[in-house]
Amino acid sequence: MDMSHTYVRRTVEALGERGFSIEENEKRYESDEVEGPRSTSFELRLGDAIHWTLETVFLDDGEERYFLEVHRYYGMRGYSYPLDSWKFFPDRVEFKYEVNPESSMGPSLIFCFDDIPELAQAS
């Protein structure tokens, strides 16, 4: 699967079908001197325990960059960090962060739906 904004949107829609609320936001990164790239982000929430942001940044050269921020996942939080890839499966979603070029390794977050009490109760 090629990573694209279309795939971001399909992932968000699939999470919405699982019960996540979705809020779409568009903005442009800018400073006093430069108008920066635009972005589309999706705030994903499930109750009070889960809040993620999945964002696409559209660069001027036509490239796209993807970011995941974990605002809250029960007791865990994380900063926005670039994604290398992600995959949506019927029972989970897997996010792979950008790889460190020196080690060729990068962290992954795997959210299994059966492990999320709000989703397990709904099944």
PDB file of N, CA and C in Angstrom:
ATOM      1  N   MET A   1       0.850  -1.183   0.000  1.00  0.00           N
ATOM      2  CA  MET A   1       0.000   0.000   0.000  1.00  0.00           C
ATOM      3  C   MET A   1       0.885   1.232   0.000  1.00  0.00           C
ATOM      4  N   ASP A   2       0.651   2.118  -0.945  1.00  0.00           N
ATOM      5  CA  ASP A   2       1.358   3.389  -0.972  1.00  0.00           C
ATOM      6  C   ASP A   2       0.729   4.318   0.051  1.00  0.00           C
ATOM      7  N   MET A   3       1.579   4.974   0.821  1.00  0.00           N
ATOM      8  CA  MET A   3       1.087   5.930   1.797  1.00  0.00           C
ATOM      9  C   MET A   3       0.666   7.187   1.033  1.00  0.00           C
ATOM     10  N   SER A   4      -0.525   7.685   1.335  1.00  0.00           N
ATOM     11  CA  SER A   4      -1.046   8.862   0.644  1.00  0.00           C
ATOM     12  C   SER A   4      -2.099   9.503   1.537  1.00  0.00           C
ATOM     13  N   HIS A   5      -2.483  10.716   1.184  1.00  0.00           N
ATOM     14  CA  HIS A   5      -3.547  11.368   1.942  1.00  0.00           C
ATOM     15  C   HIS A   5      -4.857  10.597   1.778  1.00  0.00           C
ATOM     16  N   THR A   6      -5.053   9.994   0.613  1.00  0.00           N
ATOM     17  CA  THR A   6      -6.244   9.172   0.400  1.00  0.00           C
ATOM     18  C   THR A   6      -6.273   8.019   1.392  1.00  0.00           C
ATOM     19  N   TYR A   7      -5.117   7.394   1.637  1.00  0.00           N
ATOM     20  CA  TYR A   7      -5.055   6.290   2.592  1.00  0.00           C
ATOM     21  C   TYR A   7      -5.229   6.800   4.030  1.00  0.00           C
ATOM     22  N   VAL A   8      -4.728   8.008   4.324  1.00  0.00           N
ATOM     23  CA  VAL A   8      -5.001   8.621   5.633  1.00  0.00           C
ATOM     24  C   VAL A   8      -6.518   8.717   5.817  1.00  0.00           C
ATOM     25  N   ARG A   9      -7.185   9.258   4.825  1.00  0.00           N
ATOM     26  CA  ARG A   9      -8.635   9.457   4.914  1.00  0.00           C
ATOM     27  C   ARG A   9      -9.359   8.112   5.061  1.00  0.00           C
ATOM     28  N   ARG A  10      -8.931   7.093   4.321  1.00  0.00           N
ATOM     29  CA  ARG A  10      -9.556   5.765   4.440  1.00  0.00           C
ATOM     30  C   ARG A  10      -9.327   5.183   5.834  1.00  0.00           C
ATOM     31  N   THR A  11      -8.136   5.383   6.390  1.00  0.00           N
ATOM     32  CA  THR A  11      -7.845   4.908   7.745  1.00  0.00           C
ATOM     33  C   THR A  11      -8.744   5.608   8.751  1.00  0.00           C
ATOM     34  N   VAL A  12      -8.869   6.926   8.625  1.00  0.00           N
ATOM     35  CA  VAL A  12      -9.720   7.706   9.527  1.00  0.00           C
ATOM     36  C   VAL A  12     -11.174   7.245   9.420  1.00  0.00           C
ATOM     37  N   GLU A  13     -11.657   7.027   8.206  1.00  0.00           N
ATOM     38  CA  GLU A  13     -13.035   6.557   8.021  1.00  0.00           C
ATOM     39  C   GLU A  13     -13.241   5.197   8.674  1.00  0.00           C
ATOM     40  N   ALA A  14     -12.246   4.316   8.558  1.00  0.00           N
ATOM     41  CA  ALA A  14     -12.348   2.989   9.183  1.00  0.00           C
ATOM     42  C   ALA A  14     -12.380   3.117  10.704  1.00  0.00           C
ATOM     43  N   LEU A  15     -11.600   4.035  11.255  1.00  0.00           N
ATOM     44  CA  LEU A  15     -11.639   4.258  12.704  1.00  0.00           C
ATOM     45  C   LEU A  15     -12.981   4.853  13.114  1.00  0.00           C
ATOM     46  N   GLY A  16     -13.542   5.718  12.279  1.00  0.00           N
ATOM     47  CA  GLY A  16     -14.868   6.253  12.548  1.00  0.00           C
ATOM     48  C   GLY A  16     -15.921   5.153  12.592  1.00  0.00           C
ATOM     49  N   GLU A  17     -15.803   4.181  11.687  1.00  0.00           N
ATOM     50  CA  GLU A  17     -16.721   3.038  11.689  1.00  0.00           C
ATOM     51  C   GLU A  17     -16.573   2.207  12.960  1.00  0.00           C
ATOM     52  N   ARG A  18     -15.402   2.270  13.582  1.00  0.00           N
ATOM     53  CA  ARG A  18     -15.149   1.554  14.833  1.00  0.00           C
ATOM     54  C   ARG A  18     -15.658   2.318  16.055  1.00  0.00           C
ATOM     55  N   GLY A  19     -16.104   3.564  15.863  1.00  0.00           N
ATOM     56  CA  GLY A  19     -16.666   4.318  16.977  1.00  0.00           C
ATOM     57  C   GLY A  19     -15.902   5.566  17.366  1.00  0.00           C
ATOM     58  N   PHE A  20     -14.770   5.845  16.704  1.00  0.00           N
ATOM     59  CA  PHE A  20     -14.016   7.058  16.992  1.00  0.00           C
ATOM     60  C   PHE A  20     -14.770   8.268  16.449  1.00  0.00           C
ATOM     61  N   SER A  21     -14.774   9.364  17.214  1.00  0.00           N
ATOM     62  CA  SER A  21     -15.286  10.626  16.675  1.00  0.00           C
ATOM     63  C   SER A  21     -14.157  11.263  15.873  1.00  0.00           C
ATOM     64  N   ILE A  22     -14.527  12.001  14.839  1.00  0.00           N
ATOM     65  CA  ILE A  22     -13.546  12.569  13.914  1.00  0.00           C
ATOM     66  C   ILE A  22     -13.809  14.055  13.754  1.00  0.00           C
ATOM     67  N   GLU A  23     -12.742  14.843  13.876  1.00  0.00           N
ATOM     68  CA  GLU A  23     -12.820  16.274  13.580  1.00  0.00           C
ATOM     69  C   GLU A  23     -11.707  16.597  12.592  1.00  0.00           C
ATOM     70  N   GLU A  24     -12.084  17.105  11.421  1.00  0.00           N
ATOM     71  CA  GLU A  24     -11.113  17.438  10.386  1.00  0.00           C
ATOM     72  C   GLU A  24     -10.750  18.914  10.478  1.00  0.00           C
ATOM     73  N   ASN A  25      -9.460  19.209  10.382  1.00  0.00           N
ATOM     74  CA  ASN A  25      -8.968  20.591  10.443  1.00  0.00           C
ATOM     75  C   ASN A  25      -7.976  20.823   9.314  1.00  0.00           C
ATOM     76  N   GLU A  26      -8.023  22.016   8.751  1.00  0.00           N
ATOM     77  CA  GLU A  26      -7.036  22.417   7.746  1.00  0.00           C
ATOM     78  C   GLU A  26      -6.343  23.667   8.234  1.00  0.00           C
ATOM     79  N   LYS A  27      -5.050  23.752   7.958  1.00  0.00           N
ATOM     80  CA  LYS A  27      -4.300  24.947   8.347  1.00  0.00           C
ATOM     81  C   LYS A  27      -3.094  25.089   7.432  1.00  0.00           C
ATOM     82  N   ARG A  28      -2.445  26.226   7.570  1.00  0.00           N
ATOM     83  CA  ARG A  28      -1.201  26.478   6.843  1.00  0.00           C
ATOM     84  C   ARG A  28      -0.150  26.858   7.869  1.00  0.00           C
ATOM     85  N   TYR A  29       0.992  26.178   7.785  1.00  0.00           N
ATOM     86  CA  TYR A  29       2.117  26.532   8.641  1.00  0.00           C
ATOM     87  C   TYR A  29       2.761  27.780   8.065  1.00  0.00           C
ATOM     88  N   GLU A  30       2.977  28.781   8.896  1.00  0.00           N
ATOM     89  CA  GLU A  30       3.596  30.005   8.391  1.00  0.00           C
ATOM     90  C   GLU A  30       4.357  30.712   9.503  1.00  0.00           C
ATOM     91  N   SER A  31       5.277  31.535   9.067  1.00  0.00           N
ATOM     92  CA  SER A  31       6.015  32.394   9.997  1.00  0.00           C
ATOM     93  C   SER A  31       5.817  33.832   9.537  1.00  0.00           C
ATOM     94  N   ASP A  32       6.501  34.763  10.185  1.00  0.00           N
ATOM     95  CA  ASP A  32       6.380  36.167   9.788  1.00  0.00           C
ATOM     96  C   ASP A  32       6.892  36.403   8.372  1.00  0.00           C
ATOM     97  N   GLU A  33       7.840  35.574   7.930  1.00  0.00           N
ATOM     98  CA  GLU A  33       8.487  35.815   6.639  1.00  0.00           C
ATOM     99  C   GLU A  33       8.033  34.885   5.525  1.00  0.00           C
ATOM    100  N   VAL A  34       7.545  33.698   5.874  1.00  0.00           N
ATOM    101  CA  VAL A  34       7.300  32.688   4.852  1.00  0.00           C
ATOM    102  C   VAL A  34       5.935  32.053   5.064  1.00  0.00           C
ATOM    103  N   GLU A  35       5.234  31.831   3.963  1.00  0.00           N
ATOM    104  CA  GLU A  35       4.017  31.041   4.024  1.00  0.00           C
ATOM    105  C   GLU A  35       4.431  29.586   3.833  1.00  0.00           C
ATOM    106  N   GLY A  36       4.141  28.775   4.790  1.00  0.00           N
ATOM    107  CA  GLY A  36       4.590  27.392   4.762  1.00  0.00           C
ATOM    108  C   GLY A  36       3.581  26.457   4.130  1.00  0.00           C
ATOM    109  N   PRO A  37       3.851  25.175   4.261  1.00  0.00           N
ATOM    110  CA  PRO A  37       2.964  24.181   3.657  1.00  0.00           C
ATOM    111  C   PRO A  37       1.614  24.125   4.370  1.00  0.00           C
ATOM    112  N   ARG A  38       0.622  23.617   3.664  1.00  0.00           N
ATOM    113  CA  ARG A  38      -0.689  23.435   4.271  1.00  0.00           C
ATOM    114  C   ARG A  38      -0.791  22.010   4.803  1.00  0.00           C
ATOM    115  N   SER A  39      -1.735  21.807   5.695  1.00  0.00           N
ATOM    116  CA  SER A  39      -1.924  20.468   6.252  1.00  0.00           C
ATOM    117  C   SER A  39      -3.402  20.199   6.481  1.00  0.00           C
ATOM    118  N   THR A  40      -3.726  18.939   6.512  1.00  0.00           N
ATOM    119  CA  THR A  40      -5.038  18.468   6.930  1.00  0.00           C
ATOM    120  C   THR A  40      -4.811  17.493   8.060  1.00  0.00           C
ATOM    121  N   SER A  41      -5.486  17.722   9.174  1.00  0.00           N
ATOM    122  CA  SER A  41      -5.334  16.815  10.308  1.00  0.00           C
ATOM    123  C   SER A  41      -6.703  16.299  10.725  1.00  0.00           C
ATOM    124  N   PHE A  42      -6.675  15.135  11.330  1.00  0.00           N
ATOM    125  CA  PHE A  42      -7.886  14.499  11.833  1.00  0.00           C
ATOM    126  C   PHE A  42      -7.692  14.230  13.316  1.00  0.00           C
ATOM    127  N   GLU A  43      -8.537  14.853  14.129  1.00  0.00           N
ATOM    128  CA  GLU A  43      -8.558  14.586  15.568  1.00  0.00           C
ATOM    129  C   GLU A  43      -9.457  13.368  15.753  1.00  0.00           C
ATOM    130  N   LEU A  44      -8.904  12.319  16.323  1.00  0.00           N
ATOM    131  CA  LEU A  44      -9.635  11.069  16.543  1.00  0.00           C
ATOM    132  C   LEU A  44      -9.783  10.865  18.040  1.00  0.00           C
ATOM    133  N   ARG A  45     -11.024  10.703  18.488  1.00  0.00           N
ATOM    134  CA  ARG A  45     -11.274  10.526  19.923  1.00  0.00           C
ATOM    135  C   ARG A  45     -12.204   9.340  20.139  1.00  0.00           C
ATOM    136  N   LEU A  46     -11.940   8.662  21.249  1.00  0.00           N
ATOM    137  CA  LEU A  46     -12.821   7.602  21.700  1.00  0.00           C
ATOM    138  C   LEU A  46     -12.996   7.794  23.197  1.00  0.00           C
ATOM    139  N   GLY A  47     -14.147   8.339  23.577  1.00  0.00           N
ATOM    140  CA  GLY A  47     -14.388   8.652  24.979  1.00  0.00           C
ATOM    141  C   GLY A  47     -13.362   9.645  25.497  1.00  0.00           C
ATOM    142  N   ASP A  48     -13.083   9.559  26.791  1.00  0.00           N
ATOM    143  CA  ASP A  48     -12.079  10.438  27.404  1.00  0.00           C
ATOM    144  C   ASP A  48     -10.686   9.826  27.404  1.00  0.00           C
ATOM    145  N   ALA A  49     -10.572   8.543  27.065  1.00  0.00           N
ATOM    146  CA  ALA A  49      -9.301   7.836  27.229  1.00  0.00           C
ATOM    147  C   ALA A  49      -8.381   7.905  26.018  1.00  0.00           C
ATOM    148  N   ILE A  50      -8.942   8.142  24.819  1.00  0.00           N
ATOM    149  CA  ILE A  50      -8.126   8.067  23.607  1.00  0.00           C
ATOM    150  C   ILE A  50      -8.315   9.335  22.778  1.00  0.00           C
ATOM    151  N   HIS A  51      -7.185   9.935  22.387  1.00  0.00           N
ATOM    152  CA  HIS A  51      -7.195  11.125  21.522  1.00  0.00           C
ATOM    153  C   HIS A  51      -5.910  11.098  20.712  1.00  0.00           C
ATOM    154  N   TRP A  52      -6.039  10.929  19.402  1.00  0.00           N
ATOM    155  CA  TRP A  52      -4.909  10.925  18.479  1.00  0.00           C
ATOM    156  C   TRP A  52      -5.128  12.008  17.434  1.00  0.00           C
ATOM    157  N   THR A  53      -4.043  12.478  16.828  1.00  0.00           N
ATOM    158  CA  THR A  53      -4.126  13.316  15.636  1.00  0.00           C
ATOM    159  C   THR A  53      -3.319  12.654  14.537  1.00  0.00           C
ATOM    160  N   LEU A  54      -3.956  12.422  13.394  1.00  0.00           N
ATOM    161  CA  LEU A  54      -3.291  11.909  12.205  1.00  0.00           C
ATOM    162  C   LEU A  54      -3.292  13.051  11.194  1.00  0.00           C
ATOM    163  N   GLU A  55      -2.090  13.438  10.740  1.00  0.00           N
ATOM    164  CA  GLU A  55      -1.949  14.644   9.928  1.00  0.00           C
ATOM    165  C   GLU A  55      -1.183  14.367   8.643  1.00  0.00           C
ATOM    166  N   THR A  56      -1.632  15.014   7.575  1.00  0.00           N
ATOM    167  CA  THR A  56      -0.898  15.046   6.311  1.00  0.00           C
ATOM    168  C   THR A  56      -0.422  16.470   6.092  1.00  0.00           C
ATOM    169  N   VAL A  57       0.873  16.637   5.832  1.00  0.00           N
ATOM    170  CA  VAL A  57       1.436  17.936   5.470  1.00  0.00           C
ATOM    171  C   VAL A  57       1.773  17.875   3.986  1.00  0.00           C
ATOM    172  N   PHE A  58       1.228  18.837   3.227  1.00  0.00           N
ATOM    173  CA  PHE A  58       1.422  18.901   1.783  1.00  0.00           C
ATOM    174  C   PHE A  58       2.558  19.889   1.502  1.00  0.00           C
ATOM    175  N   LEU A  59       3.698  19.386   1.072  1.00  0.00           N
ATOM    176  CA  LEU A  59       4.860  20.240   0.810  1.00  0.00           C
ATOM    177  C   LEU A  59       4.747  20.891  -0.565  1.00  0.00           C
ATOM    178  N   ASP A  60       5.463  22.006  -0.733  1.00  0.00           N
ATOM    179  CA  ASP A  60       5.379  22.766  -1.980  1.00  0.00           C
ATOM    180  C   ASP A  60       5.853  21.977  -3.197  1.00  0.00           C
ATOM    181  N   ASP A  61       6.733  20.987  -2.997  1.00  0.00           N
ATOM    182  CA  ASP A  61       7.253  20.212  -4.126  1.00  0.00           C
ATOM    183  C   ASP A  61       6.324  19.055  -4.515  1.00  0.00           C
ATOM    184  N   GLY A  62       5.133  19.006  -3.896  1.00  0.00           N
ATOM    185  CA  GLY A  62       4.174  17.967  -4.225  1.00  0.00           C
ATOM    186  C   GLY A  62       4.249  16.741  -3.325  1.00  0.00           C
ATOM    187  N   GLU A  63       5.291  16.657  -2.523  1.00  0.00           N
ATOM    188  CA  GLU A  63       5.431  15.535  -1.588  1.00  0.00           C
ATOM    189  C   GLU A  63       4.443  15.679  -0.438  1.00  0.00           C
ATOM    190  N   GLU A  64       4.149  14.577   0.198  1.00  0.00           N
ATOM    191  CA  GLU A  64       3.314  14.565   1.393  1.00  0.00           C
ATOM    192  C   GLU A  64       4.099  13.930   2.534  1.00  0.00           C
ATOM    193  N   ARG A  65       3.896  14.448   3.737  1.00  0.00           N
ATOM    194  CA  ARG A  65       4.488  13.870   4.958  1.00  0.00           C
ATOM    195  C   ARG A  65       3.342  13.575   5.910  1.00  0.00           C
ATOM    196  N   TYR A  66       3.522  12.526   6.703  1.00  0.00           N
ATOM    197  CA  TYR A  66       2.452  12.063   7.586  1.00  0.00           C
ATOM    198  C   TYR A  66       2.959  12.047   9.021  1.00  0.00           C
ATOM    199  N   PHE A  67       2.078  12.417   9.944  1.00  0.00           N
ATOM    200  CA  PHE A  67       2.450  12.513  11.358  1.00  0.00           C
ATOM    201  C   PHE A  67       1.347  11.915  12.219  1.00  0.00           C
ATOM    202  N   LEU A  68       1.768  11.327  13.335  1.00  0.00           N
ATOM    203  CA  LEU A  68       0.832  10.841  14.339  1.00  0.00           C
ATOM    204  C   LEU A  68       1.212  11.465  15.672  1.00  0.00           C
ATOM    205  N   GLU A  69       0.234  12.042  16.347  1.00  0.00           N
ATOM    206  CA  GLU A  69       0.432  12.519  17.713  1.00  0.00           C
ATOM    207  C   GLU A  69      -0.546  11.778  18.606  1.00  0.00           C
ATOM    208  N   VAL A  70      -0.021  11.198  19.669  1.00  0.00           N
ATOM    209  CA  VAL A  70      -0.849  10.515  20.659  1.00  0.00           C
ATOM    210  C   VAL A  70      -1.028  11.490  21.817  1.00  0.00           C
ATOM    211  N   HIS A  71      -2.138  12.220  21.797  1.00  0.00           N
ATOM    212  CA  HIS A  71      -2.423  13.156  22.883  1.00  0.00           C
ATOM    213  C   HIS A  71      -2.739  12.404  24.163  1.00  0.00           C
ATOM    214  N   ARG A  72      -3.451  11.289  23.956  1.00  0.00           N
ATOM    215  CA  ARG A  72      -3.830  10.482  25.119  1.00  0.00           C
ATOM    216  C   ARG A  72      -4.191   9.079  24.625  1.00  0.00           C
ATOM    217  N   TYR A  73      -3.609   8.104  25.267  1.00  0.00           N
ATOM    218  CA  TYR A  73      -4.019   6.716  25.103  1.00  0.00           C
ATOM    219  C   TYR A  73      -3.976   6.122  26.496  1.00  0.00           C
ATOM    220  N   TYR A  74      -5.075   6.296  27.215  1.00  0.00           N
ATOM    221  CA  TYR A  74      -5.151   5.981  28.632  1.00  0.00           C
ATOM    222  C   TYR A  74      -4.049   6.779  29.324  1.00  0.00           C
ATOM    223  N   GLY A  75      -3.036   6.183  29.899  1.00  0.00           N
ATOM    224  CA  GLY A  75      -1.999   6.935  30.608  1.00  0.00           C
ATOM    225  C   GLY A  75      -0.812   7.336  29.754  1.00  0.00           C
ATOM    226  N   MET A  76      -0.812   6.992  28.470  1.00  0.00           N
ATOM    227  CA  MET A  76       0.333   7.261  27.605  1.00  0.00           C
ATOM    228  C   MET A  76       0.081   8.501  26.755  1.00  0.00           C
ATOM    229  N   ARG A  77       1.126   9.287  26.546  1.00  0.00           N
ATOM    230  CA  ARG A  77       1.074  10.454  25.657  1.00  0.00           C
ATOM    231  C   ARG A  77       2.342  10.484  24.817  1.00  0.00           C
ATOM    232  N   GLY A  78       2.291  11.163  23.691  1.00  0.00           N
ATOM    233  CA  GLY A  78       3.470  11.270  22.838  1.00  0.00           C
ATOM    234  C   GLY A  78       3.394  12.513  21.982  1.00  0.00           C
ATOM    235  N   TYR A  79       4.545  12.940  21.512  1.00  0.00           N
ATOM    236  CA  TYR A  79       4.622  14.100  20.640  1.00  0.00           C
ATOM    237  C   TYR A  79       4.319  13.704  19.198  1.00  0.00           C
ATOM    238  N   SER A  80       3.983  14.686  18.383  1.00  0.00           N
ATOM    239  CA  SER A  80       3.814  14.459  16.956  1.00  0.00           C
ATOM    240  C   SER A  80       5.152  14.042  16.374  1.00  0.00           C
ATOM    241  N   TYR A  81       5.133  12.968  15.595  1.00  0.00           N
ATOM    242  CA  TYR A  81       6.365  12.443  15.029  1.00  0.00           C
ATOM    243  C   TYR A  81       6.061  11.903  13.636  1.00  0.00           C
ATOM    244  N   PRO A  82       7.012  12.017  12.702  1.00  0.00           N
ATOM    245  CA  PRO A  82       6.750  11.580  11.327  1.00  0.00           C
ATOM    246  C   PRO A  82       6.541  10.068  11.221  1.00  0.00           C
ATOM    247  N   LEU A  83       5.558   9.706  10.413  1.00  0.00           N
ATOM    248  CA  LEU A  83       5.277   8.309  10.149  1.00  0.00           C
ATOM    249  C   LEU A  83       5.982   7.850   8.886  1.00  0.00           C
ATOM    250  N   ASP A  84       6.488   6.643   8.931  1.00  0.00           N
ATOM    251  CA  ASP A  84       7.020   5.987   7.740  1.00  0.00           C
ATOM    252  C   ASP A  84       5.873   5.326   6.987  1.00  0.00           C
ATOM    253  N   SER A  85       5.010   4.648   7.754  1.00  0.00           N
ATOM    254  CA  SER A  85       3.891   3.939   7.144  1.00  0.00           C
ATOM    255  C   SER A  85       2.891   3.558   8.225  1.00  0.00           C
ATOM    256  N   TRP A  86       1.763   3.071   7.806  1.00  0.00           N
ATOM    257  CA  TRP A  86       0.760   2.541   8.737  1.00  0.00           C
ATOM    258  C   TRP A  86      -0.102   1.583   7.945  1.00  0.00           C
ATOM    259  N   LYS A  87      -0.745   0.682   8.662  1.00  0.00           N
ATOM    260  CA  LYS A  87      -1.635  -0.296   8.052  1.00  0.00           C
ATOM    261  C   LYS A  87      -2.862  -0.446   8.939  1.00  0.00           C
ATOM    262  N   PHE A  88      -4.001  -0.540   8.306  1.00  0.00           N
ATOM    263  CA  PHE A  88      -5.248  -0.756   9.022  1.00  0.00           C
ATOM    264  C   PHE A  88      -5.707  -2.185   8.747  1.00  0.00           C
ATOM    265  N   PHE A  89      -5.990  -2.931   9.807  1.00  0.00           N
ATOM    266  CA  PHE A  89      -6.482  -4.298   9.713  1.00  0.00           C
ATOM    267  C   PHE A  89      -7.829  -4.362  10.432  1.00  0.00           C
ATOM    268  N   PRO A  90      -8.625  -5.406  10.209  1.00  0.00           N
ATOM    269  CA  PRO A  90      -9.919  -5.499  10.894  1.00  0.00           C
ATOM    270  C   PRO A  90      -9.805  -5.486  12.421  1.00  0.00           C
ATOM    271  N   ASP A  91      -8.696  -5.999  12.962  1.00  0.00           N
ATOM    272  CA  ASP A  91      -8.564  -6.094  14.418  1.00  0.00           C
ATOM    273  C   ASP A  91      -7.568  -5.121  15.034  1.00  0.00           C
ATOM    274  N   ARG A  92      -6.901  -4.288  14.199  1.00  0.00           N
ATOM    275  CA  ARG A  92      -5.873  -3.398  14.741  1.00  0.00           C
ATOM    276  C   ARG A  92      -5.459  -2.356  13.704  1.00  0.00           C
ATOM    277  N   VAL A  93      -4.757  -1.341  14.186  1.00  0.00           N
ATOM    278  CA  VAL A  93      -4.092  -0.391  13.302  1.00  0.00           C
ATOM    279  C   VAL A  93      -2.642  -0.308  13.788  1.00  0.00           C
ATOM    280  N   GLU A  94      -1.707  -0.356  12.838  1.00  0.00           N
ATOM    281  CA  GLU A  94      -0.279  -0.325  13.152  1.00  0.00           C
ATOM    282  C   GLU A  94       0.341   0.929  12.539  1.00  0.00           C
ATOM    283  N   PHE A  95       1.025   1.707  13.380  1.00  0.00           N
ATOM    284  CA  PHE A  95       1.726   2.904  12.924  1.00  0.00           C
ATOM    285  C   PHE A  95       3.219   2.673  13.068  1.00  0.00           C
ATOM    286  N   LYS A  96       3.975   2.882  11.996  1.00  0.00           N
ATOM    287  CA  LYS A  96       5.436   2.738  12.028  1.00  0.00           C
ATOM    288  C   LYS A  96       6.036   4.125  11.848  1.00  0.00           C
ATOM    289  N   TYR A  97       6.786   4.562  12.858  1.00  0.00           N
ATOM    290  CA  TYR A  97       7.434   5.866  12.777  1.00  0.00           C
ATOM    291  C   TYR A  97       8.639   5.810  11.855  1.00  0.00           C
ATOM    292  N   GLU A  98       9.110   6.984  11.430  1.00  0.00           N
ATOM    293  CA  GLU A  98      10.262   7.044  10.539  1.00  0.00           C
ATOM    294  C   GLU A  98      11.449   6.285  11.123  1.00  0.00           C
ATOM    295  N   VAL A  99      12.189   5.696  10.234  1.00  0.00           N
ATOM    296  CA  VAL A  99      13.334   4.867  10.605  1.00  0.00           C
ATOM    297  C   VAL A  99      14.553   5.742  10.846  1.00  0.00           C
ATOM    298  N   ASN A 100      15.319   5.405  11.879  1.00  0.00           N
ATOM    299  CA  ASN A 100      16.593   6.060  12.135  1.00  0.00           C
ATOM    300  C   ASN A 100      17.585   5.556  11.089  1.00  0.00           C
ATOM    301  N   PRO A 101      18.175   6.455  10.275  1.00  0.00           N
ATOM    302  CA  PRO A 101      19.062   5.994   9.199  1.00  0.00           C
ATOM    303  C   PRO A 101      20.321   5.278   9.706  1.00  0.00           C
ATOM    304  N   GLU A 102      20.750   5.573  10.918  1.00  0.00           N
ATOM    305  CA  GLU A 102      21.956   4.920  11.442  1.00  0.00           C
ATOM    306  C   GLU A 102      21.693   3.487  11.877  1.00  0.00           C
ATOM    307  N   SER A 103      20.514   3.231  12.400  1.00  0.00           N
ATOM    308  CA  SER A 103      20.229   1.885  12.909  1.00  0.00           C
ATOM    309  C   SER A 103      19.276   1.097  12.011  1.00  0.00           C
ATOM    310  N   SER A 104      18.636   1.766  11.063  1.00  0.00           N
ATOM    311  CA  SER A 104      17.605   1.164  10.215  1.00  0.00           C
ATOM    312  C   SER A 104      16.429   0.642  11.028  1.00  0.00           C
ATOM    313  N   MET A 105      16.255   1.175  12.238  1.00  0.00           N
ATOM    314  CA  MET A 105      15.150   0.759  13.076  1.00  0.00           C
ATOM    315  C   MET A 105      14.273   1.950  13.395  1.00  0.00           C
ATOM    316  N   GLY A 106      13.004   1.677  13.602  1.00  0.00           N
ATOM    317  CA  GLY A 106      12.074   2.722  13.989  1.00  0.00           C
ATOM    318  C   GLY A 106      10.983   2.128  14.855  1.00  0.00           C
ATOM    319  N   PRO A 107      10.476   2.900  15.800  1.00  0.00           N
ATOM    320  CA  PRO A 107       9.434   2.366  16.682  1.00  0.00           C
ATOM    321  C   PRO A 107       8.094   2.215  15.960  1.00  0.00           C
ATOM    322  N   SER A 108       7.295   1.306  16.469  1.00  0.00           N
ATOM    323  CA  SER A 108       5.945   1.088  15.972  1.00  0.00           C
ATOM    324  C   SER A 108       4.972   1.140  17.136  1.00  0.00           C
ATOM    325  N   LEU A 109       3.772   1.584  16.848  1.00  0.00           N
ATOM    326  CA  LEU A 109       2.674   1.507  17.801  1.00  0.00           C
ATOM    327  C   LEU A 109       1.601   0.645  17.168  1.00  0.00           C
ATOM    328  N   ILE A 110       1.140  -0.351  17.906  1.00  0.00           N
ATOM    329  CA  ILE A 110       0.089  -1.232  17.422  1.00  0.00           C
ATOM    330  C   ILE A 110      -1.070  -1.129  18.396  1.00  0.00           C
ATOM    331  N   PHE A 111      -2.202  -0.660  17.897  1.00  0.00           N
ATOM    332  CA  PHE A 111      -3.399  -0.516  18.706  1.00  0.00           C
ATOM    333  C   PHE A 111      -4.360  -1.636  18.324  1.00  0.00           C
ATOM    334  N   CYS A 112      -4.513  -2.619  19.207  1.00  0.00           N
ATOM    335  CA  CYS A 112      -5.406  -3.755  18.985  1.00  0.00           C
ATOM    336  C   CYS A 112      -6.786  -3.409  19.524  1.00  0.00           C
ATOM    337  N   PHE A 113      -7.788  -3.508  18.682  1.00  0.00           N
ATOM    338  CA  PHE A 113      -9.124  -3.079  19.064  1.00  0.00           C
ATOM    339  C   PHE A 113      -9.700  -3.897  20.213  1.00  0.00           C
ATOM    340  N   ASP A 114      -9.376  -5.179  20.283  1.00  0.00           N
ATOM    341  CA  ASP A 114      -9.878  -6.009  21.385  1.00  0.00           C
ATOM    342  C   ASP A 114      -9.303  -5.581  22.730  1.00  0.00           C
ATOM    343  N   ASP A 115      -8.184  -4.857  22.730  1.00  0.00           N
ATOM    344  CA  ASP A 115      -7.566  -4.390  23.959  1.00  0.00           C
ATOM    345  C   ASP A 115      -8.104  -3.034  24.420  1.00  0.00           C
ATOM    346  N   ILE A 116      -8.964  -2.434  23.622  1.00  0.00           N
ATOM    347  CA  ILE A 116      -9.568  -1.134  23.972  1.00  0.00           C
ATOM    348  C   ILE A 116     -10.946  -1.419  24.557  1.00  0.00           C
ATOM    349  N   PRO A 117     -11.101  -1.234  25.869  1.00  0.00           N
ATOM    350  CA  PRO A 117     -12.370  -1.618  26.507  1.00  0.00           C
ATOM    351  C   PRO A 117     -13.605  -1.028  25.845  1.00  0.00           C
ATOM    352  N   GLU A 118     -13.551   0.223  25.401  1.00  0.00           N
ATOM    353  CA  GLU A 118     -14.708   0.860  24.771  1.00  0.00           C
ATOM    354  C   GLU A 118     -15.110   0.148  23.487  1.00  0.00           C
ATOM    355  N   LEU A 119     -14.146  -0.429  22.775  1.00  0.00           N
ATOM    356  CA  LEU A 119     -14.447  -1.141  21.539  1.00  0.00           C
ATOM    357  C   LEU A 119     -14.804  -2.595  21.807  1.00  0.00           C
ATOM    358  N   ALA A 120     -14.146  -3.214  22.789  1.00  0.00           N
ATOM    359  CA  ALA A 120     -14.426  -4.610  23.122  1.00  0.00           C
ATOM    360  C   ALA A 120     -15.863  -4.766  23.619  1.00  0.00           C
ATOM    361  N   GLN A 121     -16.355  -3.779  24.368  1.00  0.00           N
ATOM    362  CA  GLN A 121     -17.721  -3.828  24.879  1.00  0.00           C
ATOM    363  C   GLN A 121     -18.746  -3.705  23.759  1.00  0.00           C
ATOM    364  N   ALA A 122     -18.384  -2.973  22.711  1.00  0.00           N
ATOM    365  CA  ALA A 122     -19.311  -2.737  21.606  1.00  0.00           C
ATOM    366  C   ALA A 122     -19.426  -3.953  20.674  1.00  0.00           C
ATOM    367  N   SER A 123     -18.430  -4.870  20.727  1.00  0.00           N
ATOM    368  CA  SER A 123     -18.470  -6.016  19.805  1.00  0.00           C
ATOM    369  C   SER A 123     -19.407  -7.094  20.269  1.00  0.00           C
TER     370      SER A 123
END
